[in-house]
PDB file of N, CA and C in Angstrom:
ATOM      1  N   MET A   1     -44.750 -54.329-123.065  1.00  0.00           N
ATOM      2  CA  MET A   1     -46.167 -54.137-122.854  1.00  0.00           C
ATOM      3  C   MET A   1     -46.471 -52.659-122.617  1.00  0.00           C
ATOM      4  N   ILE A   2     -45.614 -52.029-121.838  1.00  0.00           N
ATOM      5  CA  ILE A   2     -45.832 -50.615-121.554  1.00  0.00           C
ATOM      6  C   ILE A   2     -45.751 -49.806-122.845  1.00  0.00           C
ATOM      7  N   ASP A   3     -44.792 -50.127-123.705  1.00  0.00           N
ATOM      8  CA  ASP A   3     -44.656 -49.396-124.973  1.00  0.00           C
ATOM      9  C   ASP A   3     -45.892 -49.540-125.849  1.00  0.00           C
ATOM     10  N   ARG A   4     -46.496 -50.720-125.843  1.00  0.00           N
ATOM     11  CA  ARG A   4     -47.668 -50.950-126.692  1.00  0.00           C
ATOM     12  C   ARG A   4     -48.890 -50.185-126.203  1.00  0.00           C
ATOM     13  N   CYS A   5     -48.978 -49.949-124.903  1.00  0.00           N
ATOM     14  CA  CYS A   5     -50.183 -49.332-124.329  1.00  0.00           C
ATOM     15  C   CYS A   5     -49.990 -47.863-123.975  1.00  0.00           C
ATOM     16  N   ARG A   6     -48.901 -47.254-124.411  1.00  0.00           N
ATOM     17  CA  ARG A   6     -48.603 -45.865-124.039  1.00  0.00           C
ATOM     18  C   ARG A   6     -49.669 -44.886-124.507  1.00  0.00           C
ATOM     19  N   ASP A   7     -50.321 -45.171-125.621  1.00  0.00           N
ATOM     20  CA  ASP A   7     -51.336 -44.246-126.139  1.00  0.00           C
ATOM     21  C   ASP A   7     -52.603 -44.261-125.289  1.00  0.00           C
ATOM     22  N   ALA A   8     -52.928 -45.403-124.705  1.00  0.00           N
ATOM     23  CA  ALA A   8     -54.171 -45.532-123.949  1.00  0.00           C
ATOM     24  C   ALA A   8     -54.001 -45.194-122.466  1.00  0.00           C
ATOM     25  N   TYR A   9     -52.829 -45.479-121.893  1.00  0.00           N
ATOM     26  CA  TYR A   9     -52.620 -45.292-120.452  1.00  0.00           C
ATOM     27  C   TYR A   9     -51.308 -44.566-120.209  1.00  0.00           C
ATOM     28  N   SER A  10     -51.225 -43.915-119.058  1.00  0.00           N
ATOM     29  CA  SER A  10     -49.976 -43.231-118.727  1.00  0.00           C
ATOM     30  C   SER A  10     -48.929 -44.247-118.281  1.00  0.00           C
ATOM     31  N   VAL A  11     -47.671 -43.919-118.532  1.00  0.00           N
ATOM     32  CA  VAL A  11     -46.569 -44.804-118.153  1.00  0.00           C
ATOM     33  C   VAL A  11     -46.544 -44.974-116.644  1.00  0.00           C
ATOM     34  N   ARG A  12     -46.769 -43.893-115.905  1.00  0.00           N
ATOM     35  CA  ARG A  12     -46.737 -43.946-114.444  1.00  0.00           C
ATOM     36  C   ARG A  12     -47.788 -44.927-113.911  1.00  0.00           C
ATOM     37  N   MET A  13     -49.008 -44.880-114.468  1.00  0.00           N
ATOM     38  CA  MET A  13     -50.067 -45.774-113.999  1.00  0.00           C
ATOM     39  C   MET A  13     -49.733 -47.236-114.329  1.00  0.00           C
ATOM     40  N   MET A  14     -49.238 -47.501-115.542  1.00  0.00           N
ATOM     41  CA  MET A  14     -48.903 -48.882-115.912  1.00  0.00           C
ATOM     42  C   MET A  14     -47.759 -49.404-115.054  1.00  0.00           C
ATOM     43  N   CYS A  15     -46.758 -48.570-114.798  1.00  0.00           N
ATOM     44  CA  CYS A  15     -45.645 -48.997-113.943  1.00  0.00           C
ATOM     45  C   CYS A  15     -46.143 -49.321-112.544  1.00  0.00           C
ATOM     46  N   HIS A  16     -47.062 -48.529-112.039  1.00  0.00           N
ATOM     47  CA  HIS A  16     -47.621 -48.785-110.705  1.00  0.00           C
ATOM     48  C   HIS A  16     -48.321 -50.149-110.665  1.00  0.00           C
ATOM     49  N   HIS A  17     -49.136 -50.447-111.656  1.00  0.00           N
ATOM     50  CA  HIS A  17     -49.877 -51.713-111.680  1.00  0.00           C
ATOM     51  C   HIS A  17     -48.978 -52.916-111.963  1.00  0.00           C
ATOM     52  N   LEU A  18     -47.861 -52.695-112.632  1.00  0.00           N
ATOM     53  CA  LEU A  18     -46.931 -53.790-112.931  1.00  0.00           C
ATOM     54  C   LEU A  18     -45.809 -53.897-111.896  1.00  0.00           C
ATOM     55  N   ASN A  19     -45.894 -53.068-110.848  1.00  0.00           N
ATOM     56  CA  ASN A  19     -44.885 -53.054-109.775  1.00  0.00           C
ATOM     57  C   ASN A  19     -43.482 -52.801-110.321  1.00  0.00           C
ATOM     58  N   VAL A  20     -43.382 -51.818-111.215  1.00  0.00           N
ATOM     59  CA  VAL A  20     -42.105 -51.404-111.792  1.00  0.00           C
ATOM     60  C   VAL A  20     -41.975 -49.905-111.547  1.00  0.00           C
ATOM     61  N   SER A  21     -40.798 -49.465-111.144  1.00  0.00           N
ATOM     62  CA  SER A  21     -40.621 -48.025-110.949  1.00  0.00           C
ATOM     63  C   SER A  21     -40.506 -47.350-112.316  1.00  0.00           C
ATOM     64  N   PRO A  22     -41.107 -46.174-112.464  1.00  0.00           N
ATOM     65  CA  PRO A  22     -41.007 -45.474-113.751  1.00  0.00           C
ATOM     66  C   PRO A  22     -39.554 -45.196-114.142  1.00  0.00           C
ATOM     67  N   SER A  23     -38.714 -44.844-113.161  1.00  0.00           N
ATOM     68  CA  SER A  23     -37.303 -44.575-113.487  1.00  0.00           C
ATOM     69  C   SER A  23     -36.614 -45.851-113.963  1.00  0.00           C
ATOM     70  N   GLY A  24     -36.948 -46.994-113.367  1.00  0.00           N
ATOM     71  CA  GLY A  24     -36.388 -48.277-113.799  1.00  0.00           C
ATOM     72  C   GLY A  24     -36.829 -48.629-115.209  1.00  0.00           C
ATOM     73  N   TYR A  25     -38.098 -48.331-115.516  1.00  0.00           N
ATOM     74  CA  TYR A  25     -38.603 -48.598-116.862  1.00  0.00           C
ATOM     75  C   TYR A  25     -37.851 -47.758-117.888  1.00  0.00           C
ATOM     76  N   TYR A  26     -37.704 -46.445-117.624  1.00  0.00           N
ATOM     77  CA  TYR A  26     -37.024 -45.572-118.580  1.00  0.00           C
ATOM     78  C   TYR A  26     -35.549 -45.938-118.719  1.00  0.00           C
ATOM     79  N   GLU A  27     -34.924 -46.358-117.618  1.00  0.00           N
ATOM     80  CA  GLU A  27     -33.524 -46.791-117.687  1.00  0.00           C
ATOM     81  C   GLU A  27     -33.403 -48.043-118.554  1.00  0.00           C
ATOM     82  N   TRP A  28     -34.311 -49.008-118.357  1.00  0.00           N
ATOM     83  CA  TRP A  28     -34.297 -50.251-119.137  1.00  0.00           C
ATOM     84  C   TRP A  28     -34.516 -49.963-120.623  1.00  0.00           C
ATOM     85  N   ARG A  29     -35.429 -49.020-120.894  1.00  0.00           N
ATOM     86  CA  ARG A  29     -35.777 -48.703-122.274  1.00  0.00           C
ATOM     87  C   ARG A  29     -34.617 -48.071-123.039  1.00  0.00           C
ATOM     88  N   GLY A  30     -33.791 -47.306-122.352  1.00  0.00           N
ATOM     89  CA  GLY A  30     -32.679 -46.640-123.007  1.00  0.00           C
ATOM     90  C   GLY A  30     -31.408 -47.468-123.058  1.00  0.00           C
ATOM     91  N   ARG A  31     -31.424 -48.621-122.442  1.00  0.00           N
ATOM     92  CA  ARG A  31     -30.233 -49.462-122.356  1.00  0.00           C
ATOM     93  C   ARG A  31     -29.933 -50.145-123.686  1.00  0.00           C
ATOM     94  N   GLU A  32     -28.659 -50.328-123.965  1.00  0.00           N
ATOM     95  CA  GLU A  32     -28.224 -51.071-125.153  1.00  0.00           C
ATOM     96  C   GLU A  32     -28.508 -52.557-124.951  1.00  0.00           C
ATOM     97  N   PRO A  33     -28.765 -53.306-126.026  1.00  0.00           N
ATOM     98  CA  PRO A  33     -28.972 -54.753-125.870  1.00  0.00           C
ATOM     99  C   PRO A  33     -27.683 -55.420-125.377  1.00  0.00           C
ATOM    100  N   SER A  34     -27.836 -56.478-124.598  1.00  0.00           N
ATOM    101  CA  SER A  34     -26.687 -57.194-124.043  1.00  0.00           C
ATOM    102  C   SER A  34     -25.929 -57.931-125.146  1.00  0.00           C
ATOM    103  N   GLU A  35     -24.708 -58.350-124.831  1.00  0.00           N
ATOM    104  CA  GLU A  35     -23.912 -59.108-125.805  1.00  0.00           C
ATOM    105  C   GLU A  35     -24.626 -60.396-126.194  1.00  0.00           C
ATOM    106  N   ARG A  36     -25.259 -61.020-125.196  1.00  0.00           N
ATOM    107  CA  ARG A  36     -25.963 -62.277-125.451  1.00  0.00           C
ATOM    108  C   ARG A  36     -27.140 -62.045-126.401  1.00  0.00           C
ATOM    109  N   ALA A  37     -27.875 -60.944-126.199  1.00  0.00           N
ATOM    110  CA  ALA A  37     -29.013 -60.644-127.074  1.00  0.00           C
ATOM    111  C   ALA A  37     -28.545 -60.385-128.505  1.00  0.00           C
ATOM    112  N   VAL A  38     -27.425 -59.686-128.651  1.00  0.00           N
ATOM    113  CA  VAL A  38     -26.877 -59.419-129.987  1.00  0.00           C
ATOM    114  C   VAL A  38     -26.433 -60.727-130.635  1.00  0.00           C
ATOM    115  N   ALA A  39     -25.764 -61.595-129.845  1.00  0.00           N
ATOM    116  CA  ALA A  39     -25.309 -62.891-130.368  1.00  0.00           C
ATOM    117  C   ALA A  39     -26.498 -63.770-130.750  1.00  0.00           C
ATOM    118  N   ASN A  40     -27.556 -63.749-129.924  1.00  0.00           N
ATOM    119  CA  ASN A  40     -28.749 -64.539-130.237  1.00  0.00           C
ATOM    120  C   ASN A  40     -29.403 -64.055-131.527  1.00  0.00           C
ATOM    121  N   ARG A  41     -29.414 -62.747-131.734  1.00  0.00           N
ATOM    122  CA  ARG A  41     -30.012 -62.200-132.953  1.00  0.00           C
ATOM    123  C   ARG A  41     -29.227 -62.659-134.186  1.00  0.00           C
ATOM    124  N   ALA A  42     -27.894 -62.641-134.089  1.00  0.00           N
ATOM    125  CA  ALA A  42     -27.056 -63.089-135.212  1.00  0.00           C
ATOM    126  C   ALA A  42     -27.228 -64.589-135.448  1.00  0.00           C
ATOM    127  N   LEU A  43     -27.291 -65.359-134.351  1.00  0.00           N
ATOM    128  CA  LEU A  43     -27.475 -66.808-134.467  1.00  0.00           C
ATOM    129  C   LEU A  43     -28.841 -67.124-135.069  1.00  0.00           C
ATOM    130  N   LEU A  44     -29.859 -66.374-134.657  1.00  0.00           N
ATOM    131  CA  LEU A  44     -31.205 -66.597-135.188  1.00  0.00           C
ATOM    132  C   LEU A  44     -31.251 -66.354-136.695  1.00  0.00           C
ATOM    133  N   THR A  45     -30.514 -65.375-137.173  1.00  0.00           N
ATOM    134  CA  THR A  45     -30.460 -65.116-138.613  1.00  0.00           C
ATOM    135  C   THR A  45     -29.920 -66.334-139.357  1.00  0.00           C
ATOM    136  N   ARG A  46     -28.857 -66.939-138.824  1.00  0.00           N
ATOM    137  CA  ARG A  46     -28.279 -68.132-139.451  1.00  0.00           C
ATOM    138  C   ARG A  46     -29.234 -69.327-139.349  1.00  0.00           C
ATOM    139  N   ILE A  47     -29.901 -69.456-138.198  1.00  0.00           N
ATOM    140  CA  ILE A  47     -30.857 -70.556-138.008  1.00  0.00           C
ATOM    141  C   ILE A  47     -31.982 -70.441-139.032  1.00  0.00           C
ATOM    142  N   LYS A  48     -32.531 -69.244-139.196  1.00  0.00           N
ATOM    143  CA  LYS A  48     -33.623 -69.043-140.153  1.00  0.00           C
ATOM    144  C   LYS A  48     -33.177 -69.362-141.578  1.00  0.00           C
ATOM    145  N   LYS A  49     -31.941 -68.986-141.924  1.00  0.00           N
ATOM    146  CA  LYS A  49     -31.434 -69.268-143.268  1.00  0.00           C
ATOM    147  C   LYS A  49     -31.296 -70.773-143.489  1.00  0.00           C
ATOM    148  N   LEU A  50     -30.705 -71.492-142.523  1.00  0.00           N
ATOM    149  CA  LEU A  50     -30.562 -72.947-142.656  1.00  0.00           C
ATOM    150  C   LEU A  50     -31.929 -73.627-142.720  1.00  0.00           C
ATOM    151  N   HIS A  51     -32.857 -73.156-141.901  1.00  0.00           N
ATOM    152  CA  HIS A  51     -34.200 -73.736-141.869  1.00  0.00           C
ATOM    153  C   HIS A  51     -34.902 -73.517-143.207  1.00  0.00           C
ATOM    154  N   ALA A  52     -34.774 -72.311-143.754  1.00  0.00           N
ATOM    155  CA  ALA A  52     -35.404 -72.008-145.048  1.00  0.00           C
ATOM    156  C   ALA A  52     -34.735 -72.776-146.184  1.00  0.00           C
ATOM    157  N   ASP A  53     -33.410 -72.877-146.151  1.00  0.00           N
ATOM    158  CA  ASP A  53     -32.689 -73.605-147.204  1.00  0.00           C
ATOM    159  C   ASP A  53     -33.060 -75.082-147.244  1.00  0.00           C
ATOM    160  N   SER A  54     -33.462 -75.622-146.091  1.00  0.00           N
ATOM    161  CA  SER A  54     -33.843 -77.041-146.036  1.00  0.00           C
ATOM    162  C   SER A  54     -35.348 -77.235-146.225  1.00  0.00           C
ATOM    163  N   ASP A  55     -36.051 -76.177-146.615  1.00  0.00           N
ATOM    164  CA  ASP A  55     -37.513 -76.215-146.779  1.00  0.00           C
ATOM    165  C   ASP A  55     -38.218 -76.603-145.487  1.00  0.00           C
ATOM    166  N   GLY A  56     -37.667 -76.191-144.358  1.00  0.00           N
ATOM    167  CA  GLY A  56     -38.297 -76.439-143.066  1.00  0.00           C
ATOM    168  C   GLY A  56     -38.115 -77.836-142.532  1.00  0.00           C
ATOM    169  N   VAL A  57     -37.221 -78.607-143.111  1.00  0.00           N
ATOM    170  CA  VAL A  57     -37.037 -79.999-142.694  1.00  0.00           C
ATOM    171  C   VAL A  57     -36.150 -80.104-141.457  1.00  0.00           C
ATOM    172  N   LEU A  58     -35.085 -79.309-141.405  1.00  0.00           N
ATOM    173  CA  LEU A  58     -34.115 -79.442-140.320  1.00  0.00           C
ATOM    174  C   LEU A  58     -34.676 -78.952-138.990  1.00  0.00           C
ATOM    175  N   GLY A  59     -34.434 -79.729-137.946  1.00  0.00           N
ATOM    176  CA  GLY A  59     -34.795 -79.351-136.594  1.00  0.00           C
ATOM    177  C   GLY A  59     -33.568 -78.877-135.838  1.00  0.00           C
ATOM    178  N   ALA A  60     -33.736 -78.629-134.545  1.00  0.00           N
ATOM    179  CA  ALA A  60     -32.658 -78.077-133.728  1.00  0.00           C
ATOM    180  C   ALA A  60     -31.395 -78.937-133.721  1.00  0.00           C
ATOM    181  N   PRO A  61     -31.488 -80.276-133.567  1.00  0.00           N
ATOM    182  CA  PRO A  61     -30.243 -81.057-133.519  1.00  0.00           C
ATOM    183  C   PRO A  61     -29.413 -80.944-134.796  1.00  0.00           C
ATOM    184  N   ARG A  62     -30.070 -81.043-135.940  1.00  0.00           N
ATOM    185  CA  ARG A  62     -29.314 -81.008-137.201  1.00  0.00           C
ATOM    186  C   ARG A  62     -28.859 -79.588-137.556  1.00  0.00           C
ATOM    187  N   ILE A  63     -29.639 -78.583-137.184  1.00  0.00           N
ATOM    188  CA  ILE A  63     -29.203 -77.202-137.412  1.00  0.00           C
ATOM    189  C   ILE A  63     -27.996 -76.904-136.533  1.00  0.00           C
ATOM    190  N   CYS A  64     -28.033 -77.342-135.286  1.00  0.00           N
ATOM    191  CA  CYS A  64     -26.905 -77.147-134.379  1.00  0.00           C
ATOM    192  C   CYS A  64     -25.656 -77.837-134.927  1.00  0.00           C
ATOM    193  N   GLU A  65     -25.825 -79.040-135.413  1.00  0.00           N
ATOM    194  CA  GLU A  65     -24.706 -79.787-135.995  1.00  0.00           C
ATOM    195  C   GLU A  65     -24.117 -79.034-137.195  1.00  0.00           C
ATOM    196  N   GLU A  66     -24.971 -78.495-138.040  1.00  0.00           N
ATOM    197  CA  GLU A  66     -24.509 -77.757-139.217  1.00  0.00           C
ATOM    198  C   GLU A  66     -23.788 -76.471-138.806  1.00  0.00           C
ATOM    199  N   LEU A  67     -24.317 -75.766-137.810  1.00  0.00           N
ATOM    200  CA  LEU A  67     -23.671 -74.540-137.341  1.00  0.00           C
ATOM    201  C   LEU A  67     -22.295 -74.838-136.756  1.00  0.00           C
ATOM    202  N   GLN A  68     -22.196 -75.924-135.992  1.00  0.00           N
ATOM    203  CA  GLN A  68     -20.902 -76.300-135.423  1.00  0.00           C
ATOM    204  C   GLN A  68     -19.928 -76.690-136.529  1.00  0.00           C
ATOM    205  N   TYR A  69     -20.411 -77.338-137.569  1.00  0.00           N
ATOM    206  CA  TYR A  69     -19.575 -77.691-138.717  1.00  0.00           C
ATOM    207  C   TYR A  69     -19.034 -76.431-139.399  1.00  0.00           C
ATOM    208  N   GLN A  70     -19.852 -75.373-139.410  1.00  0.00           N
ATOM    209  CA  GLN A  70     -19.436 -74.102-140.002  1.00  0.00           C
ATOM    210  C   GLN A  70     -18.528 -73.300-139.070  1.00  0.00           C
ATOM    211  N   GLY A  71     -18.292 -73.823-137.867  1.00  0.00           N
ATOM    212  CA  GLY A  71     -17.402 -73.150-136.920  1.00  0.00           C
ATOM    213  C   GLY A  71     -18.092 -72.173-135.997  1.00  0.00           C
ATOM    214  N   ILE A  72     -19.407 -72.242-135.915  1.00  0.00           N
ATOM    215  CA  ILE A  72     -20.163 -71.343-135.047  1.00  0.00           C
ATOM    216  C   ILE A  72     -20.469 -72.088-133.751  1.00  0.00           C
ATOM    217  N   PRO A  73     -19.939 -71.625-132.619  1.00  0.00           N
ATOM    218  CA  PRO A  73     -20.195 -72.327-131.361  1.00  0.00           C
ATOM    219  C   PRO A  73     -21.640 -72.108-130.903  1.00  0.00           C
ATOM    220  N   CYS A  74     -22.337 -73.192-130.656  1.00  0.00           N
ATOM    221  CA  CYS A  74     -23.714 -73.107-130.168  1.00  0.00           C
ATOM    222  C   CYS A  74     -24.074 -74.441-129.535  1.00  0.00           C
ATOM    223  N   GLY A  75     -25.089 -74.421-128.714  1.00  0.00           N
ATOM    224  CA  GLY A  75     -25.580 -75.640-128.098  1.00  0.00           C
ATOM    225  C   GLY A  75     -26.956 -75.975-128.638  1.00  0.00           C
ATOM    226  N   GLU A  76     -27.300 -77.245-128.563  1.00  0.00           N
ATOM    227  CA  GLU A  76     -28.593 -77.684-129.094  1.00  0.00           C
ATOM    228  C   GLU A  76     -29.751 -77.042-128.343  1.00  0.00           C
ATOM    229  N   ASN A  77     -29.624 -76.893-127.015  1.00  0.00           N
ATOM    230  CA  ASN A  77     -30.709 -76.287-126.242  1.00  0.00           C
ATOM    231  C   ASN A  77     -30.925 -74.824-126.628  1.00  0.00           C
ATOM    232  N   ARG A  78     -29.842 -74.114-126.880  1.00  0.00           N
ATOM    233  CA  ARG A  78     -29.956 -72.711-127.279  1.00  0.00           C
ATOM    234  C   ARG A  78     -30.635 -72.598-128.637  1.00  0.00           C
ATOM    235  N   VAL A  79     -30.232 -73.439-129.580  1.00  0.00           N
ATOM    236  CA  VAL A  79     -30.850 -73.437-130.911  1.00  0.00           C
ATOM    237  C   VAL A  79     -32.331 -73.801-130.790  1.00  0.00           C
ATOM    238  N   ALA A  80     -32.640 -74.810-129.973  1.00  0.00           N
ATOM    239  CA  ALA A  80     -34.036 -75.233-129.795  1.00  0.00           C
ATOM    240  C   ALA A  80     -34.870 -74.105-129.186  1.00  0.00           C
ATOM    241  N   ARG A  81     -34.303 -73.391-128.206  1.00  0.00           N
ATOM    242  CA  ARG A  81     -35.031 -72.293-127.568  1.00  0.00           C
ATOM    243  C   ARG A  81     -35.307 -71.177-128.570  1.00  0.00           C
ATOM    244  N   LEU A  82     -34.301 -70.798-129.349  1.00  0.00           N
ATOM    245  CA  LEU A  82     -34.499 -69.741-130.344  1.00  0.00           C
ATOM    246  C   LEU A  82     -35.505 -70.168-131.410  1.00  0.00           C
ATOM    247  N   MET A  83     -35.464 -71.429-131.805  1.00  0.00           N
ATOM    248  CA  MET A  83     -36.429 -71.924-132.796  1.00  0.00           C
ATOM    249  C   MET A  83     -37.838 -71.929-132.213  1.00  0.00           C
ATOM    250  N   ARG A  84     -37.966 -72.359-130.963  1.00  0.00           N
ATOM    251  CA  ARG A  84     -39.283 -72.424-130.325  1.00  0.00           C
ATOM    252  C   ARG A  84     -39.885 -71.030-130.184  1.00  0.00           C
ATOM    253  N   ILE A  85     -39.078 -70.053-129.735  1.00  0.00           N
ATOM    254  CA  ILE A  85     -39.560 -68.680-129.565  1.00  0.00           C
ATOM    255  C   ILE A  85     -40.028 -68.099-130.897  1.00  0.00           C
ATOM    256  N   ASN A  86     -39.352 -68.454-131.973  1.00  0.00           N
ATOM    257  CA  ASN A  86     -39.673 -67.918-133.297  1.00  0.00           C
ATOM    258  C   ASN A  86     -40.553 -68.843-134.126  1.00  0.00           C
ATOM    259  N   LYS A  87     -41.120 -69.846-133.480  1.00  0.00           N
ATOM    260  CA  LYS A  87     -42.072 -70.775-134.102  1.00  0.00           C
ATOM    261  C   LYS A  87     -41.497 -71.467-135.341  1.00  0.00           C
ATOM    262  N   LEU A  88     -40.239 -71.900-135.240  1.00  0.00           N
ATOM    263  CA  LEU A  88     -39.602 -72.692-136.294  1.00  0.00           C
ATOM    264  C   LEU A  88     -39.560 -74.132-135.817  1.00  0.00           C
ATOM    265  N   GLN A  89     -39.983 -75.045-136.656  1.00  0.00           N
ATOM    266  CA  GLN A  89     -40.018 -76.446-136.270  1.00  0.00           C
ATOM    267  C   GLN A  89     -39.603 -77.309-137.451  1.00  0.00           C
ATOM    268  N   GLY A  90     -38.747 -78.280-137.170  1.00  0.00           N
ATOM    269  CA  GLY A  90     -38.331 -79.209-138.208  1.00  0.00           C
ATOM    270  C   GLY A  90     -39.369 -80.294-138.411  1.00  0.00           C
ATOM    271  N   ILE A  91     -39.243 -81.001-139.501  1.00  0.00           N
ATOM    272  CA  ILE A  91     -40.149 -82.108-139.794  1.00  0.00           C
ATOM    273  C   ILE A  91     -39.436 -83.392-139.418  1.00  0.00           C
ATOM    274  N   PRO A  92     -40.022 -84.207-138.520  1.00  0.00           N
ATOM    275  CA  PRO A  92     -39.345 -85.448-138.131  1.00  0.00           C
ATOM    276  C   PRO A  92     -39.285 -86.426-139.295  1.00  0.00           C
ATOM    277  N   PRO A  93     -38.222 -87.247-139.340  1.00  0.00           N
ATOM    278  CA  PRO A  93     -38.137 -88.235-140.422  1.00  0.00           C
ATOM    279  C   PRO A  93     -39.292 -89.219-140.325  1.00  0.00           C
ATOM    280  N   GLU A  94     -39.846 -89.563-141.467  1.00  0.00           N
ATOM    281  CA  GLU A  94     -40.981 -90.482-141.484  1.00  0.00           C
ATOM    282  C   GLU A  94     -40.496 -91.914-141.336  1.00  0.00           C
ATOM    283  N   THR A  95     -41.262 -92.688-140.606  1.00  0.00           N
ATOM    284  CA  THR A  95     -40.984 -94.109-140.473  1.00  0.00           C
ATOM    285  C   THR A  95     -41.936 -94.828-141.413  1.00  0.00           C
ATOM    286  N   SER A  96     -41.407 -95.696-142.233  1.00  0.00           N
ATOM    287  CA  SER A  96     -42.258 -96.391-143.191  1.00  0.00           C
ATOM    288  C   SER A  96     -43.179 -97.367-142.460  1.00  0.00           C
ATOM    289  N   LEU A  97     -44.269 -97.711-143.097  1.00  0.00           N
ATOM    290  CA  LEU A  97     -45.235 -98.634-142.518  1.00  0.00           C
ATOM    291  C   LEU A  97     -44.589 -99.983-142.238  1.00  0.00           C
ATOM    292  N   GLU A  98     -43.724-100.427-143.116  1.00  0.00           N
ATOM    293  CA  GLU A  98     -43.051-101.717-142.926  1.00  0.00           C
ATOM    294  C   GLU A  98     -42.157-101.680-141.687  1.00  0.00           C
ATOM    295  N   GLU A  99     -41.454-100.563-141.461  1.00  0.00           N
ATOM    296  CA  GLU A  99     -40.611-100.445-140.273  1.00  0.00           C
ATOM    297  C   GLU A  99     -41.455-100.471-139.010  1.00  0.00           C
ATOM    298  N   LYS A 100     -42.605 -99.796-139.026  1.00  0.00           N
ATOM    299  CA  LYS A 100     -43.487 -99.801-137.858  1.00  0.00           C
ATOM    300  C   LYS A 100     -43.991-101.212-137.581  1.00  0.00           C
ATOM    301  N   ARG A 101     -44.353-101.925-138.633  1.00  0.00           N
ATOM    302  CA  ARG A 101     -44.864-103.284-138.475  1.00  0.00           C
ATOM    303  C   ARG A 101     -43.783-104.180-137.862  1.00  0.00           C
ATOM    304  N   GLN A 102     -42.559-104.046-138.324  1.00  0.00           N
ATOM    305  CA  GLN A 102     -41.474-104.869-137.808  1.00  0.00           C
ATOM    306  C   GLN A 102     -41.180-104.544-136.350  1.00  0.00           C
ATOM    307  N   GLN A 103     -41.362-103.314-135.948  1.00  0.00           N
ATOM    308  CA  GLN A 103     -41.081-102.926-134.575  1.00  0.00           C
ATOM    309  C   GLN A 103     -42.131-103.466-133.616  1.00  0.00           C
ATOM    310  N   SER A 104     -43.377-103.538-134.046  1.00  0.00           N
ATOM    311  CA  SER A 104     -44.447-103.850-133.112  1.00  0.00           C
ATOM    312  C   SER A 104     -45.016-105.260-133.241  1.00  0.00           C
ATOM    313  N   THR A 105     -44.601-106.022-134.222  1.00  0.00           N
ATOM    314  CA  THR A 105     -45.187-107.338-134.447  1.00  0.00           C
ATOM    315  C   THR A 105     -44.113-108.413-134.337  1.00  0.00           C
ATOM    316  N   PRO A 106     -44.363-109.481-133.574  1.00  0.00           N
ATOM    317  CA  PRO A 106     -43.377-110.556-133.488  1.00  0.00           C
ATOM    318  C   PRO A 106     -43.146-111.200-134.856  1.00  0.00           C
ATOM    319  N   CYS A 107     -41.968-111.762-135.052  1.00  0.00           N
ATOM    320  CA  CYS A 107     -41.606-112.301-136.361  1.00  0.00           C
ATOM    321  C   CYS A 107     -42.491-113.481-136.762  1.00  0.00           C
ATOM    322  N   TRP A 108     -42.962-114.266-135.804  1.00  0.00           N
ATOM    323  CA  TRP A 108     -43.767-115.431-136.161  1.00  0.00           C
ATOM    324  C   TRP A 108     -45.180-115.043-136.577  1.00  0.00           C
ATOM    325  N   HIS A 109     -45.572-113.810-136.375  1.00  0.00           N
ATOM    326  CA  HIS A 109     -46.923-113.363-136.693  1.00  0.00           C
ATOM    327  C   HIS A 109     -47.214-113.461-138.193  1.00  0.00           C
ATOM    328  N   HIS A 110     -46.214-113.263-139.036  1.00  0.00           N
ATOM    329  CA  HIS A 110     -46.423-113.257-140.481  1.00  0.00           C
ATOM    330  C   HIS A 110     -46.382-114.658-141.097  1.00  0.00           C
ATOM    331  N   GLN A 111     -46.154-115.683-140.306  1.00  0.00           N
ATOM    332  CA  GLN A 111     -46.135-117.048-140.826  1.00  0.00           C
ATOM    333  C   GLN A 111     -47.565-117.540-141.014  1.00  0.00           C
ATOM    334  N   PRO A 112     -47.789-118.467-141.922  1.00  0.00           N
ATOM    335  CA  PRO A 112     -49.135-119.030-142.085  1.00  0.00           C
ATOM    336  C   PRO A 112     -49.593-119.682-140.778  1.00  0.00           C
ATOM    337  N   SER A 113     -50.890-119.727-140.583  1.00  0.00           N
ATOM    338  CA  SER A 113     -51.433-120.231-139.316  1.00  0.00           C
ATOM    339  C   SER A 113     -51.034-121.682-139.054  1.00  0.00           C
ATOM    340  N   THR A 114     -50.868-122.516-140.095  1.00  0.00           N
ATOM    341  CA  THR A 114     -50.471-123.912-139.869  1.00  0.00           C
ATOM    342  C   THR A 114     -49.066-123.989-139.288  1.00  0.00           C
ATOM    343  N   ALA A 115     -48.202-123.111-139.710  1.00  0.00           N
ATOM    344  CA  ALA A 115     -46.840-123.112-139.159  1.00  0.00           C
ATOM    345  C   ALA A 115     -46.868-122.699-137.695  1.00  0.00           C
ATOM    346  N   ARG A 116     -47.772-121.779-137.341  1.00  0.00           N
ATOM    347  CA  ARG A 116     -47.857-121.363-135.940  1.00  0.00           C
ATOM    348  C   ARG A 116     -48.398-122.494-135.080  1.00  0.00           C
ATOM    349  N   LEU A 117     -49.348-123.245-135.622  1.00  0.00           N
ATOM    350  CA  LEU A 117     -49.920-124.350-134.852  1.00  0.00           C
ATOM    351  C   LEU A 117     -48.888-125.443-134.608  1.00  0.00           C
ATOM    352  N   SER A 118     -48.013-125.677-135.566  1.00  0.00           N
ATOM    353  CA  SER A 118     -47.021-126.735-135.406  1.00  0.00           C
ATOM    354  C   SER A 118     -45.966-126.359-134.370  1.00  0.00           C
ATOM    355  N   ARG A 119     -45.862-125.129-134.030  1.00  0.00           N
ATOM    356  CA  ARG A 119     -44.878-124.702-133.033  1.00  0.00           C
ATOM    357  C   ARG A 119     -45.333-125.034-131.625  1.00  0.00           C
ATOM    358  N   ARG A 120     -46.597-125.355-131.418  1.00  0.00           N
ATOM    359  CA  ARG A 120     -47.118-125.609-130.068  1.00  0.00           C
ATOM    360  C   ARG A 120     -46.757-126.950-129.560  1.00  0.00           C
TER     361      ARG A 120
END
């Protein structure tokens, strides 16, 4: 945020309002990215490629499964977090109308009304 607003406001004033010391800000800015950040960037590249290759169909569970199959250690939560941050979302498998009907309707419902009456 400080980097984006440097042209309009002084760094010292923004650090004061954000309760950050200017020396801490400059130290953070010059620091190398952590190993985890570098690993996440590399993993995100692979996630984006798998997501694009599947035309956006694959979600975090199946992408994680594919990465593990390729020998890349990762967890489903980590893949889901990286996908969520980068606005990548899989398409859930569609349930057919017949499957929905079978799940929510008792089996005797589709019988003719005379057959239902004889059951009483």
